[in-house]
C-alpha cells in the first residue's frame, strides 16, 4: 500500500540469474529502457546492437507475460518501472603468459531484474 493513497500498486517482475555477461555491459542497455513503455522498450532492445539486448528482450517479454497472466494487468498500459543488475559469482580462469607467469581472467556473471507496472489513468 502506498501511504496516503489507499490503493495497492503492484508490479510484475522477471529475474534472470547467472547470466554469462558482465554487469557493466548490461547496465548500459538497462539505462536505455528504464521508464519507457513496454512496446517502446522492446523496440529499443530489438534495434540496439549490444550483446545484452538479447537477454533483456527475453526478460522483458517474461515480465509482461507475468503481468498479464499472474496479475491480470493490461499489456498495452505497461511500462518498465524498475530494472537493475547485480553482480553474480565470478569464474576465475588462468591465462598462461611469458616466462612461466600466469594472469587471472575473471569471467563475470549477472543477476538481472525487470519490473513492469500499469500506468495510472
PDB file of N, CA and C in Angstrom:
ATOM      1  N   UNK A   1       0.839  -1.184   0.000  1.00  0.00           N
ATOM      2  CA  UNK A   1       0.000   0.000   0.000  1.00  0.00           C
ATOM      3  C   UNK A   1       0.881   1.244   0.000  1.00  0.00           C
ATOM      4  N   UNK A   2       0.545   2.166  -0.850  1.00  0.00           N
ATOM      5  CA  UNK A   2       1.248   3.435  -0.882  1.00  0.00           C
ATOM      6  C   UNK A   2       0.646   4.343   0.188  1.00  0.00           C
ATOM      7  N   UNK A   3       1.487   5.020   0.989  1.00  0.00           N
ATOM      8  CA  UNK A   3       0.953   5.852   2.066  1.00  0.00           C
ATOM      9  C   UNK A   3       0.066   6.969   1.538  1.00  0.00           C
ATOM     10  N   UNK A   4      -1.106   7.081   2.104  1.00  0.00           N
ATOM     11  CA  UNK A   4      -1.998   8.182   1.769  1.00  0.00           C
ATOM     12  C   UNK A   4      -2.911   7.952   0.578  1.00  0.00           C
ATOM     13  N   UNK A   5      -2.653   6.951  -0.262  1.00  0.00           N
ATOM     14  CA  UNK A   5      -3.482   6.774  -1.448  1.00  0.00           C
ATOM     15  C   UNK A   5      -4.565   5.727  -1.229  1.00  0.00           C
ATOM     16  N   UNK A   6      -4.243   4.708  -0.434  1.00  0.00           N
ATOM     17  CA  UNK A   6      -5.234   3.668  -0.194  1.00  0.00           C
ATOM     18  C   UNK A   6      -5.361   2.690  -1.350  1.00  0.00           C
ATOM     19  N   UNK A   7      -4.463   2.779  -2.342  1.00  0.00           N
ATOM     20  CA  UNK A   7      -4.519   1.848  -3.460  1.00  0.00           C
ATOM     21  C   UNK A   7      -3.283   0.969  -3.451  1.00  0.00           C
ATOM     22  N   UNK A   8      -3.436  -0.230  -3.937  1.00  0.00           N
ATOM     23  CA  UNK A   8      -2.337  -1.171  -3.993  1.00  0.00           C
ATOM     24  C   UNK A   8      -1.677  -1.065  -5.360  1.00  0.00           C
ATOM     25  N   UNK A   9      -0.431  -0.650  -5.391  1.00  0.00           N
ATOM     26  CA  UNK A   9       0.295  -0.543  -6.652  1.00  0.00           C
ATOM     27  C   UNK A   9       1.193  -1.763  -6.755  1.00  0.00           C
ATOM     28  N   UNK A  10       0.855  -2.673  -7.655  1.00  0.00           N
ATOM     29  CA  UNK A  10       1.620  -3.891  -7.825  1.00  0.00           C
ATOM     30  C   UNK A  10       2.515  -3.766  -9.036  1.00  0.00           C
ATOM     31  N   UNK A  11       3.533  -4.584  -9.036  1.00  0.00           N
ATOM     32  CA  UNK A  11       4.354  -4.699 -10.231  1.00  0.00           C
ATOM     33  C   UNK A  11       4.622  -6.175 -10.479  1.00  0.00           C
ATOM     34  N   UNK A  12       4.887  -6.478 -11.725  1.00  0.00           N
ATOM     35  CA  UNK A  12       5.218  -7.846 -12.114  1.00  0.00           C
ATOM     36  C   UNK A  12       6.695  -7.868 -12.441  1.00  0.00           C
ATOM     37  N   UNK A  13       7.374  -8.882 -11.932  1.00  0.00           N
ATOM     38  CA  UNK A  13       8.820  -8.941 -12.087  1.00  0.00           C
ATOM     39  C   UNK A  13       9.231 -10.191 -12.833  1.00  0.00           C
ATOM     40  N   UNK A  14      10.423 -10.104 -13.417  1.00  0.00           N
ATOM     41  CA  UNK A  14      11.065 -11.268 -14.018  1.00  0.00           C
ATOM     42  C   UNK A  14      12.545 -11.178 -13.658  1.00  0.00           C
ATOM     43  N   UNK A  15      13.126 -12.306 -13.282  1.00  0.00           N
ATOM     44  CA  UNK A  15      14.518 -12.362 -12.865  1.00  0.00           C
ATOM     45  C   UNK A  15      15.295 -13.280 -13.796  1.00  0.00           C
ATOM     46  N   UNK A  16      16.515 -12.909 -14.076  1.00  0.00           N
ATOM     47  CA  UNK A  16      17.441 -13.775 -14.795  1.00  0.00           C
ATOM     48  C   UNK A  16      18.687 -13.897 -13.928  1.00  0.00           C
ATOM     49  N   UNK A  17      18.951 -15.101 -13.452  1.00  0.00           N
ATOM     50  CA  UNK A  17      20.091 -15.339 -12.573  1.00  0.00           C
ATOM     51  C   UNK A  17      21.223 -16.000 -13.365  1.00  0.00           C
ATOM     52  N   UNK A  18      22.427 -15.695 -12.989  1.00  0.00           N
ATOM     53  CA  UNK A  18      23.629 -16.311 -13.536  1.00  0.00           C
ATOM     54  C   UNK A  18      23.759 -16.126 -15.053  1.00  0.00           C
ATOM     55  N   UNK A  19      23.412 -14.948 -15.548  1.00  0.00           N
ATOM     56  CA  UNK A  19      23.596 -14.647 -16.972  1.00  0.00           C
ATOM     57  C   UNK A  19      25.092 -14.463 -17.223  1.00  0.00           C
ATOM     58  N   UNK A  20      25.616 -15.098 -18.261  1.00  0.00           N
ATOM     59  CA  UNK A  20      27.051 -15.060 -18.542  1.00  0.00           C
ATOM     60  C   UNK A  20      27.422 -13.803 -19.315  1.00  0.00           C
ATOM     61  N   UNK A  21      27.197 -12.661 -18.694  1.00  0.00           N
ATOM     62  CA  UNK A  21      27.561 -11.380 -19.280  1.00  0.00           C
ATOM     63  C   UNK A  21      27.905 -10.440 -18.131  1.00  0.00           C
ATOM     64  N   UNK A  22      28.834  -9.559 -18.360  1.00  0.00           N
ATOM     65  CA  UNK A  22      29.282  -8.649 -17.322  1.00  0.00           C
ATOM     66  C   UNK A  22      28.178  -7.651 -16.949  1.00  0.00           C
ATOM     67  N   UNK A  23      28.024  -7.338 -15.654  1.00  0.00           N
ATOM     68  CA  UNK A  23      27.001  -6.370 -15.245  1.00  0.00           C
ATOM     69  C   UNK A  23      27.210  -4.988 -15.867  1.00  0.00           C
ATOM     70  N   UNK A  24      28.442  -4.647 -16.145  1.00  0.00           N
ATOM     71  CA  UNK A  24      28.749  -3.356 -16.754  1.00  0.00           C
ATOM     72  C   UNK A  24      28.127  -3.225 -18.137  1.00  0.00           C
ATOM     73  N   UNK A  25      28.165  -4.320 -18.899  1.00  0.00           N
ATOM     74  CA  UNK A  25      27.596  -4.309 -20.245  1.00  0.00           C
ATOM     75  C   UNK A  25      26.072  -4.255 -20.202  1.00  0.00           C
ATOM     76  N   UNK A  26      25.483  -4.897 -19.193  1.00  0.00           N
ATOM     77  CA  UNK A  26      24.030  -4.928 -19.072  1.00  0.00           C
ATOM     78  C   UNK A  26      23.494  -3.567 -18.651  1.00  0.00           C
ATOM     79  N   UNK A  27      24.204  -2.893 -17.747  1.00  0.00           N
ATOM     80  CA  UNK A  27      23.746  -1.610 -17.214  1.00  0.00           C
ATOM     81  C   UNK A  27      23.573  -0.562 -18.306  1.00  0.00           C
ATOM     82  N   UNK A  28      24.438  -0.593 -19.304  1.00  0.00           N
ATOM     83  CA  UNK A  28      24.355   0.370 -20.407  1.00  0.00           C
ATOM     84  C   UNK A  28      23.018   0.253 -21.120  1.00  0.00           C
ATOM     85  N   UNK A  29      22.569  -0.973 -21.364  1.00  0.00           N
ATOM     86  CA  UNK A  29      21.317  -1.187 -22.095  1.00  0.00           C
ATOM     87  C   UNK A  29      20.117  -0.955 -21.183  1.00  0.00           C
ATOM     88  N   UNK A  30      20.229  -1.306 -19.904  1.00  0.00           N
ATOM     89  CA  UNK A  30      19.117  -1.077 -18.970  1.00  0.00           C
ATOM     90  C   UNK A  30      18.801   0.415 -18.844  1.00  0.00           C
ATOM     91  N   UNK A  31      19.825   1.252 -18.893  1.00  0.00           N
ATOM     92  CA  UNK A  31      19.600   2.699 -18.799  1.00  0.00           C
ATOM     93  C   UNK A  31      18.786   3.221 -19.985  1.00  0.00           C
ATOM     94  N   UNK A  32      18.837   2.516 -21.113  1.00  0.00           N
ATOM     95  CA  UNK A  32      18.076   2.952 -22.298  1.00  0.00           C
ATOM     96  C   UNK A  32      16.573   2.706 -22.146  1.00  0.00           C
ATOM     97  N   UNK A  33      16.182   1.648 -21.407  1.00  0.00           N
ATOM     98  CA  UNK A  33      14.761   1.269 -21.366  1.00  0.00           C
ATOM     99  C   UNK A  33      14.053   1.653 -20.068  1.00  0.00           C
ATOM    100  N   UNK A  34      14.784   2.115 -19.075  1.00  0.00           N
ATOM    101  CA  UNK A  34      14.172   2.442 -17.784  1.00  0.00           C
ATOM    102  C   UNK A  34      13.121   3.540 -17.933  1.00  0.00           C
ATOM    103  N   UNK A  35      11.887   3.269 -17.463  1.00  0.00           N
ATOM    104  CA  UNK A  35      10.801   4.241 -17.505  1.00  0.00           C
ATOM    105  C   UNK A  35      10.025   4.300 -18.810  1.00  0.00           C
ATOM    106  N   UNK A  36      10.400   3.517 -19.798  1.00  0.00           N
ATOM    107  CA  UNK A  36       9.735   3.550 -21.110  1.00  0.00           C
ATOM    108  C   UNK A  36       8.529   2.603 -21.144  1.00  0.00           C
ATOM    109  N   UNK A  37       7.618   2.853 -22.082  1.00  0.00           N
ATOM    110  CA  UNK A  37       6.523   1.917 -22.331  1.00  0.00           C
ATOM    111  C   UNK A  37       7.105   0.591 -22.799  1.00  0.00           C
ATOM    112  N   UNK A  38       6.351  -0.479 -22.567  1.00  0.00           N
ATOM    113  CA  UNK A  38       6.848  -1.808 -22.896  1.00  0.00           C
ATOM    114  C   UNK A  38       7.091  -1.951 -24.399  1.00  0.00           C
ATOM    115  N   UNK A  39       6.189  -1.442 -25.224  1.00  0.00           N
ATOM    116  CA  UNK A  39       6.362  -1.535 -26.670  1.00  0.00           C
ATOM    117  C   UNK A  39       7.583  -0.779 -27.152  1.00  0.00           C
ATOM    118  N   UNK A  40       7.768   0.410 -26.603  1.00  0.00           N
ATOM    119  CA  UNK A  40       8.926   1.219 -26.996  1.00  0.00           C
ATOM    120  C   UNK A  40      10.224   0.584 -26.497  1.00  0.00           C
ATOM    121  N   UNK A  41      10.206   0.032 -25.278  1.00  0.00           N
ATOM    122  CA  UNK A  41      11.389  -0.628 -24.722  1.00  0.00           C
ATOM    123  C   UNK A  41      11.756  -1.853 -25.556  1.00  0.00           C
ATOM    124  N   UNK A  42      10.748  -2.617 -26.000  1.00  0.00           N
ATOM    125  CA  UNK A  42      11.014  -3.786 -26.840  1.00  0.00           C
ATOM    126  C   UNK A  42      11.630  -3.354 -28.168  1.00  0.00           C
ATOM    127  N   UNK A  43      11.145  -2.261 -28.734  1.00  0.00           N
ATOM    128  CA  UNK A  43      11.715  -1.750 -29.976  1.00  0.00           C
ATOM    129  C   UNK A  43      13.154  -1.308 -29.808  1.00  0.00           C
ATOM    130  N   UNK A  44      13.459  -0.661 -28.682  1.00  0.00           N
ATOM    131  CA  UNK A  44      14.829  -0.238 -28.410  1.00  0.00           C
ATOM    132  C   UNK A  44      15.741  -1.451 -28.289  1.00  0.00           C
ATOM    133  N   UNK A  45      15.267  -2.482 -27.585  1.00  0.00           N
ATOM    134  CA  UNK A  45      16.086  -3.680 -27.397  1.00  0.00           C
ATOM    135  C   UNK A  45      16.306  -4.433 -28.706  1.00  0.00           C
ATOM    136  N   UNK A  46      15.291  -4.420 -29.583  1.00  0.00           N
ATOM    137  CA  UNK A  46      15.428  -5.109 -30.871  1.00  0.00           C
ATOM    138  C   UNK A  46      16.473  -4.450 -31.760  1.00  0.00           C
ATOM    139  N   UNK A  47      16.619  -3.130 -31.664  1.00  0.00           N
ATOM    140  CA  UNK A  47      17.494  -2.403 -32.583  1.00  0.00           C
ATOM    141  C   UNK A  47      18.840  -2.019 -31.979  1.00  0.00           C
ATOM    142  N   UNK A  48      19.048  -2.283 -30.694  1.00  0.00           N
ATOM    143  CA  UNK A  48      20.318  -1.932 -30.063  1.00  0.00           C
ATOM    144  C   UNK A  48      21.352  -3.027 -30.326  1.00  0.00           C
ATOM    145  N   UNK A  49      22.490  -2.689 -30.911  1.00  0.00           N
ATOM    146  CA  UNK A  49      23.489  -3.709 -31.250  1.00  0.00           C
ATOM    147  C   UNK A  49      24.429  -4.031 -30.084  1.00  0.00           C
ATOM    148  N   UNK A  50      23.871  -4.427 -28.974  1.00  0.00           N
ATOM    149  CA  UNK A  50      24.654  -4.823 -27.808  1.00  0.00           C
ATOM    150  C   UNK A  50      24.320  -6.264 -27.469  1.00  0.00           C
ATOM    151  N   UNK A  51      25.285  -6.989 -26.893  1.00  0.00           N
ATOM    152  CA  UNK A  51      25.050  -8.399 -26.586  1.00  0.00           C
ATOM    153  C   UNK A  51      24.026  -8.578 -25.471  1.00  0.00           C
ATOM    154  N   UNK A  52      23.867  -7.588 -24.614  1.00  0.00           N
ATOM    155  CA  UNK A  52      22.900  -7.682 -23.516  1.00  0.00           C
ATOM    156  C   UNK A  52      21.458  -7.540 -24.007  1.00  0.00           C
ATOM    157  N   UNK A  53      21.250  -6.996 -25.189  1.00  0.00           N
ATOM    158  CA  UNK A  53      19.899  -6.743 -25.689  1.00  0.00           C
ATOM    159  C   UNK A  53      19.089  -8.025 -25.830  1.00  0.00           C
ATOM    160  N   UNK A  54      19.732  -9.099 -26.242  1.00  0.00           N
ATOM    161  CA  UNK A  54      19.023 -10.366 -26.427  1.00  0.00           C
ATOM    162  C   UNK A  54      18.511 -10.905 -25.092  1.00  0.00           C
ATOM    163  N   UNK A  55      19.362 -10.884 -24.066  1.00  0.00           N
ATOM    164  CA  UNK A  55      18.949 -11.311 -22.730  1.00  0.00           C
ATOM    165  C   UNK A  55      17.775 -10.469 -22.229  1.00  0.00           C
ATOM    166  N   UNK A  56      17.893  -9.150 -22.379  1.00  0.00           N
ATOM    167  CA  UNK A  56      16.898  -8.240 -21.825  1.00  0.00           C
ATOM    168  C   UNK A  56      15.579  -8.296 -22.581  1.00  0.00           C
ATOM    169  N   UNK A  57      15.626  -8.555 -23.887  1.00  0.00           N
ATOM    170  CA  UNK A  57      14.387  -8.661 -24.659  1.00  0.00           C
ATOM    171  C   UNK A  57      13.561  -9.855 -24.166  1.00  0.00           C
ATOM    172  N   UNK A  58      14.218 -10.986 -23.970  1.00  0.00           N
ATOM    173  CA  UNK A  58      13.513 -12.170 -23.461  1.00  0.00           C
ATOM    174  C   UNK A  58      12.993 -11.939 -22.047  1.00  0.00           C
ATOM    175  N   UNK A  59      13.787 -11.261 -21.226  1.00  0.00           N
ATOM    176  CA  UNK A  59      13.383 -10.991 -19.855  1.00  0.00           C
ATOM    177  C   UNK A  59      12.214 -10.016 -19.792  1.00  0.00           C
ATOM    178  N   UNK A  60      12.200  -9.014 -20.669  1.00  0.00           N
ATOM    179  CA  UNK A  60      11.085  -8.073 -20.731  1.00  0.00           C
ATOM    180  C   UNK A  60       9.799  -8.787 -21.142  1.00  0.00           C
ATOM    181  N   UNK A  61       9.893  -9.663 -22.135  1.00  0.00           N
ATOM    182  CA  UNK A  61       8.714 -10.428 -22.548  1.00  0.00           C
ATOM    183  C   UNK A  61       8.210 -11.319 -21.418  1.00  0.00           C
ATOM    184  N   UNK A  62       9.101 -11.866 -20.633  1.00  0.00           N
ATOM    185  CA  UNK A  62       8.711 -12.689 -19.490  1.00  0.00           C
ATOM    186  C   UNK A  62       8.000 -11.854 -18.427  1.00  0.00           C
ATOM    187  N   UNK A  63       8.487 -10.652 -18.171  1.00  0.00           N
ATOM    188  CA  UNK A  63       7.844  -9.769 -17.192  1.00  0.00           C
ATOM    189  C   UNK A  63       6.448  -9.362 -17.657  1.00  0.00           C
ATOM    190  N   UNK A  64       6.295  -9.104 -18.953  1.00  0.00           N
ATOM    191  CA  UNK A  64       4.978  -8.746 -19.495  1.00  0.00           C
ATOM    192  C   UNK A  64       4.023  -9.935 -19.383  1.00  0.00           C
ATOM    193  N   UNK A  65       4.509 -11.131 -19.667  1.00  0.00           N
ATOM    194  CA  UNK A  65       3.675 -12.330 -19.544  1.00  0.00           C
ATOM    195  C   UNK A  65       3.272 -12.565 -18.092  1.00  0.00           C
ATOM    196  N   UNK A  66       4.192 -12.324 -17.157  1.00  0.00           N
ATOM    197  CA  UNK A  66       3.856 -12.454 -15.735  1.00  0.00           C
ATOM    198  C   UNK A  66       2.777 -11.455 -15.332  1.00  0.00           C
ATOM    199  N   UNK A  67       2.877 -10.225 -15.836  1.00  0.00           N
ATOM    200  CA  UNK A  67       1.890  -9.198 -15.513  1.00  0.00           C
ATOM    201  C   UNK A  67       0.520  -9.574 -16.053  1.00  0.00           C
ATOM    202  N   UNK A  68       0.496 -10.099 -17.264  1.00  0.00           N
ATOM    203  CA  UNK A  68      -0.774 -10.440 -17.909  1.00  0.00           C
ATOM    204  C   UNK A  68      -1.418 -11.668 -17.271  1.00  0.00           C
ATOM    205  N   UNK A  69      -0.629 -12.700 -17.039  1.00  0.00           N
ATOM    206  CA  UNK A  69      -1.195 -13.965 -16.572  1.00  0.00           C
ATOM    207  C   UNK A  69      -1.354 -14.056 -15.059  1.00  0.00           C
ATOM    208  N   UNK A  70      -0.417 -13.499 -14.309  1.00  0.00           N
ATOM    209  CA  UNK A  70      -0.460 -13.647 -12.851  1.00  0.00           C
ATOM    210  C   UNK A  70      -1.146 -12.494 -12.141  1.00  0.00           C
ATOM    211  N   UNK A  71      -1.081 -11.285 -12.710  1.00  0.00           N
ATOM    212  CA  UNK A  71      -1.611 -10.104 -12.032  1.00  0.00           C
ATOM    213  C   UNK A  71      -2.781  -9.461 -12.773  1.00  0.00           C
ATOM    214  N   UNK A  72      -3.187 -10.046 -13.888  1.00  0.00           N
ATOM    215  CA  UNK A  72      -4.337  -9.548 -14.672  1.00  0.00           C
ATOM    216  C   UNK A  72      -4.178  -8.084 -15.060  1.00  0.00           C
ATOM    217  N   UNK A  73      -2.977  -7.709 -15.493  1.00  0.00           N
ATOM    218  CA  UNK A  73      -2.736  -6.338 -15.957  1.00  0.00           C
ATOM    219  C   UNK A  73      -2.936  -6.261 -17.465  1.00  0.00           C
ATOM    220  N   UNK A  74      -3.256  -5.069 -17.933  1.00  0.00           N
ATOM    221  CA  UNK A  74      -3.449  -4.833 -19.363  1.00  0.00           C
ATOM    222  C   UNK A  74      -2.081  -4.598 -20.011  1.00  0.00           C
ATOM    223  N   UNK A  75      -1.664  -5.462 -20.951  1.00  0.00           N
ATOM    224  CA  UNK A  75      -0.318  -5.326 -21.536  1.00  0.00           C
ATOM    225  C   UNK A  75      -0.095  -4.017 -22.292  1.00  0.00           C
ATOM    226  N   UNK A  76      -1.147  -3.393 -22.779  1.00  0.00           N
ATOM    227  CA  UNK A  76      -0.986  -2.155 -23.543  1.00  0.00           C
ATOM    228  C   UNK A  76      -0.702  -0.946 -22.643  1.00  0.00           C
ATOM    229  N   UNK A  77      -0.928  -1.087 -21.324  1.00  0.00           N
ATOM    230  CA  UNK A  77      -0.722   0.034 -20.402  1.00  0.00           C
ATOM    231  C   UNK A  77       0.507  -0.154 -19.516  1.00  0.00           C
ATOM    232  N   UNK A  78       1.359  -1.105 -19.848  1.00  0.00           N
ATOM    233  CA  UNK A  78       2.522  -1.400 -19.003  1.00  0.00           C
ATOM    234  C   UNK A  78       3.720  -0.529 -19.376  1.00  0.00           C
ATOM    235  N   UNK A  79       4.539  -0.253 -18.378  1.00  0.00           N
ATOM    236  CA  UNK A  79       5.808   0.429 -18.599  1.00  0.00           C
ATOM    237  C   UNK A  79       6.861  -0.194 -17.688  1.00  0.00           C
ATOM    238  N   UNK A  80       8.133   0.014 -18.016  1.00  0.00           N
ATOM    239  CA  UNK A  80       9.234  -0.541 -17.232  1.00  0.00           C
ATOM    240  C   UNK A  80       9.423   0.355 -16.016  1.00  0.00           C
ATOM    241  N   UNK A  81       8.968  -0.108 -14.859  1.00  0.00           N
ATOM    242  CA  UNK A  81       9.029   0.717 -13.652  1.00  0.00           C
ATOM    243  C   UNK A  81      10.371   0.614 -12.955  1.00  0.00           C
ATOM    244  N   UNK A  82      10.995  -0.544 -13.063  1.00  0.00           N
ATOM    245  CA  UNK A  82      12.251  -0.753 -12.353  1.00  0.00           C
ATOM    246  C   UNK A  82      13.074  -1.779 -13.117  1.00  0.00           C
ATOM    247  N   UNK A  83      14.359  -1.530 -13.243  1.00  0.00           N
ATOM    248  CA  UNK A  83      15.247  -2.519 -13.851  1.00  0.00           C
ATOM    249  C   UNK A  83      16.640  -2.286 -13.297  1.00  0.00           C
ATOM    250  N   UNK A  84      17.266  -3.376 -12.879  1.00  0.00           N
ATOM    251  CA  UNK A  84      18.596  -3.257 -12.308  1.00  0.00           C
ATOM    252  C   UNK A  84      19.367  -4.553 -12.509  1.00  0.00           C
ATOM    253  N   UNK A  85      20.681  -4.462 -12.328  1.00  0.00           N
ATOM    254  CA  UNK A  85      21.555  -5.617 -12.465  1.00  0.00           C
ATOM    255  C   UNK A  85      22.458  -5.668 -11.240  1.00  0.00           C
ATOM    256  N   UNK A  86      22.668  -6.876 -10.738  1.00  0.00           N
ATOM    257  CA  UNK A  86      23.571  -7.105  -9.619  1.00  0.00           C
ATOM    258  C   UNK A  86      24.654  -8.079 -10.075  1.00  0.00           C
ATOM    259  N   UNK A  87      25.855  -7.931  -9.551  1.00  0.00           N
ATOM    260  CA  UNK A  87      26.900  -8.880  -9.946  1.00  0.00           C
ATOM    261  C   UNK A  87      26.647 -10.255  -9.358  1.00  0.00           C
ATOM    262  N   UNK A  88      26.897 -11.270 -10.147  1.00  0.00           N
ATOM    263  CA  UNK A  88      26.792 -12.640  -9.690  1.00  0.00           C
ATOM    264  C   UNK A  88      28.172 -13.164  -9.340  1.00  0.00           C
ATOM    265  N   UNK A  89      28.312 -14.471  -9.237  1.00  0.00           N
ATOM    266  CA  UNK A  89      29.627 -15.036  -8.950  1.00  0.00           C
ATOM    267  C   UNK A  89      30.596 -14.844 -10.119  1.00  0.00           C
ATOM    268  N   UNK A  90      31.864 -14.891  -9.824  1.00  0.00           N
ATOM    269  CA  UNK A  90      32.896 -14.708 -10.841  1.00  0.00           C
ATOM    270  C   UNK A  90      33.629 -16.034 -11.031  1.00  0.00           C
ATOM    271  N   UNK A  91      33.688 -16.480 -12.284  1.00  0.00           N
ATOM    272  CA  UNK A  91      34.501 -17.660 -12.585  1.00  0.00           C
ATOM    273  C   UNK A  91      35.931 -17.177 -12.831  1.00  0.00           C
ATOM    274  N   UNK A  92      36.860 -17.706 -12.065  1.00  0.00           N
ATOM    275  CA  UNK A  92      38.250 -17.273 -12.190  1.00  0.00           C
ATOM    276  C   UNK A  92      39.014 -18.277 -13.043  1.00  0.00           C
ATOM    277  N   UNK A  93      39.658 -17.762 -14.091  1.00  0.00           N
ATOM    278  CA  UNK A  93      40.420 -18.595 -15.000  1.00  0.00           C
ATOM    279  C   UNK A  93      41.852 -18.083 -15.074  1.00  0.00           C
ATOM    280  N   UNK A  94      42.750 -18.893 -15.603  1.00  0.00           N
ATOM    281  CA  UNK A  94      44.162 -18.524 -15.677  1.00  0.00           C
ATOM    282  C   UNK A  94      44.594 -18.516 -17.134  1.00  0.00           C
ATOM    283  N   UNK A  95      45.315 -17.452 -17.521  1.00  0.00           N
ATOM    284  CA  UNK A  95      45.879 -17.330 -18.857  1.00  0.00           C
ATOM    285  C   UNK A  95      47.401 -17.436 -18.750  1.00  0.00           C
ATOM    286  N   UNK A  96      48.002 -18.459 -19.325  1.00  0.00           N
ATOM    287  CA  UNK A  96      49.465 -18.575 -19.267  1.00  0.00           C
ATOM    288  C   UNK A  96      50.128 -17.412 -20.013  1.00  0.00           C
ATOM    289  N   UNK A  97      51.185 -16.885 -19.424  1.00  0.00           N
ATOM    290  CA  UNK A  97      51.922 -15.775 -20.018  1.00  0.00           C
ATOM    291  C   UNK A  97      53.407 -16.144 -20.122  1.00  0.00           C
ATOM    292  N   UNK A  98      54.178 -15.226 -20.609  1.00  0.00           N
ATOM    293  CA  UNK A  98      55.601 -15.494 -20.851  1.00  0.00           C
ATOM    294  C   UNK A  98      56.363 -15.728 -19.549  1.00  0.00           C
ATOM    295  N   UNK A  99      57.440 -16.492 -19.647  1.00  0.00           N
ATOM    296  CA  UNK A  99      58.378 -16.757 -18.561  1.00  0.00           C
ATOM    297  C   UNK A  99      57.707 -17.414 -17.351  1.00  0.00           C
ATOM    298  N   UNK A 100      56.740 -18.278 -17.605  1.00  0.00           N
ATOM    299  CA  UNK A 100      56.127 -19.049 -16.538  1.00  0.00           C
ATOM    300  C   UNK A 100      55.119 -18.303 -15.690  1.00  0.00           C
ATOM    301  N   UNK A 101      54.786 -17.110 -16.073  1.00  0.00           N
ATOM    302  CA  UNK A 101      53.798 -16.342 -15.305  1.00  0.00           C
ATOM    303  C   UNK A 101      52.387 -16.778 -15.692  1.00  0.00           C
ATOM    304  N   UNK A 102      51.434 -16.397 -14.857  1.00  0.00           N
ATOM    305  CA  UNK A 102      50.027 -16.683 -15.147  1.00  0.00           C
ATOM    306  C   UNK A 102      49.209 -15.466 -14.758  1.00  0.00           C
ATOM    307  N   UNK A 103      48.357 -15.000 -15.674  1.00  0.00           N
ATOM    308  CA  UNK A 103      47.468 -13.879 -15.394  1.00  0.00           C
ATOM    309  C   UNK A 103      46.075 -14.428 -15.161  1.00  0.00           C
ATOM    310  N   UNK A 104      45.337 -13.762 -14.300  1.00  0.00           N
ATOM    311  CA  UNK A 104      43.978 -14.180 -13.999  1.00  0.00           C
ATOM    312  C   UNK A 104      42.990 -13.528 -14.958  1.00  0.00           C
ATOM    313  N   UNK A 105      42.004 -14.309 -15.383  1.00  0.00           N
ATOM    314  CA  UNK A 105      40.896 -13.788 -16.182  1.00  0.00           C
ATOM    315  C   UNK A 105      39.621 -13.993 -15.371  1.00  0.00           C
ATOM    316  N   UNK A 106      38.875 -12.926 -15.166  1.00  0.00           N
ATOM    317  CA  UNK A 106      37.612 -13.002 -14.429  1.00  0.00           C
ATOM    318  C   UNK A 106      36.462 -13.052 -15.425  1.00  0.00           C
ATOM    319  N   UNK A 107      35.704 -14.132 -15.395  1.00  0.00           N
ATOM    320  CA  UNK A 107      34.516 -14.249 -16.237  1.00  0.00           C
ATOM    321  C   UNK A 107      33.317 -13.951 -15.356  1.00  0.00           C
ATOM    322  N   UNK A 108      32.740 -12.782 -15.559  1.00  0.00           N
ATOM    323  CA  UNK A 108      31.716 -12.276 -14.653  1.00  0.00           C
ATOM    324  C   UNK A 108      30.314 -12.732 -15.058  1.00  0.00           C
ATOM    325  N   UNK A 109      29.433 -12.812 -14.057  1.00  0.00           N
ATOM    326  CA  UNK A 109      28.029 -13.168 -14.275  1.00  0.00           C
ATOM    327  C   UNK A 109      27.145 -12.069 -13.697  1.00  0.00           C
ATOM    328  N   UNK A 110      25.886 -12.063 -14.119  1.00  0.00           N
ATOM    329  CA  UNK A 110      24.951 -11.026 -13.698  1.00  0.00           C
ATOM    330  C   UNK A 110      23.644 -11.647 -13.224  1.00  0.00           C
ATOM    331  N   UNK A 111      23.005 -10.963 -12.280  1.00  0.00           N
ATOM    332  CA  UNK A 111      21.629 -11.248 -11.890  1.00  0.00           C
ATOM    333  C   UNK A 111      20.815 -10.028 -12.323  1.00  0.00           C
ATOM    334  N   UNK A 112      19.882 -10.221 -13.259  1.00  0.00           N
ATOM    335  CA  UNK A 112      19.142  -9.101 -13.856  1.00  0.00           C
ATOM    336  C   UNK A 112      17.678  -9.180 -13.422  1.00  0.00           C
ATOM    337  N   UNK A 113      17.080  -8.035 -13.092  1.00  0.00           N
ATOM    338  CA  UNK A 113      15.672  -7.960 -12.701  1.00  0.00           C
ATOM    339  C   UNK A 113      14.996  -6.844 -13.485  1.00  0.00           C
ATOM    340  N   UNK A 114      13.811  -7.158 -14.037  1.00  0.00           N
ATOM    341  CA  UNK A 114      12.986  -6.151 -14.705  1.00  0.00           C
ATOM    342  C   UNK A 114      11.597  -6.214 -14.080  1.00  0.00           C
ATOM    343  N   UNK A 115      11.056  -5.045 -13.723  1.00  0.00           N
ATOM    344  CA  UNK A 115       9.704  -4.953 -13.169  1.00  0.00           C
ATOM    345  C   UNK A 115       8.870  -4.033 -14.056  1.00  0.00           C
ATOM    346  N   UNK A 116       7.629  -4.429 -14.301  1.00  0.00           N
ATOM    347  CA  UNK A 116       6.700  -3.600 -15.082  1.00  0.00           C
ATOM    348  C   UNK A 116       5.476  -3.289 -14.246  1.00  0.00           C
ATOM    349  N   UNK A 117       4.915  -2.084 -14.459  1.00  0.00           N
ATOM    350  CA  UNK A 117       3.699  -1.641 -13.771  1.00  0.00           C
ATOM    351  C   UNK A 117       2.706  -1.110 -14.782  1.00  0.00           C
ATOM    352  N   UNK A 118       1.457  -1.047 -14.344  1.00  0.00           N
ATOM    353  CA  UNK A 118       0.411  -0.431 -15.165  1.00  0.00           C
ATOM    354  C   UNK A 118       0.413   1.070 -14.923  1.00  0.00           C
ATOM    355  N   UNK A 119       0.210   1.828 -15.988  1.00  0.00           N
ATOM    356  CA  UNK A 119       0.121   3.284 -15.839  1.00  0.00           C
ATOM    357  C   UNK A 119      -1.179   3.639 -15.141  1.00  0.00           C
ATOM    358  N   UNK A 120      -1.129   4.668 -14.303  1.00  0.00           N
ATOM    359  CA  UNK A 120      -2.348   5.182 -13.685  1.00  0.00           C
ATOM    360  C   UNK A 120      -3.144   5.939 -14.744  1.00  0.00           C
ATOM    361  N   UNK A 121      -4.440   5.938 -14.606  1.00  0.00           N
ATOM    362  CA  UNK A 121      -5.281   6.567 -15.636  1.00  0.00           C
ATOM    363  C   UNK A 121      -5.288   8.065 -15.554  1.00  0.00           C
TER     364      UNK A 121
END
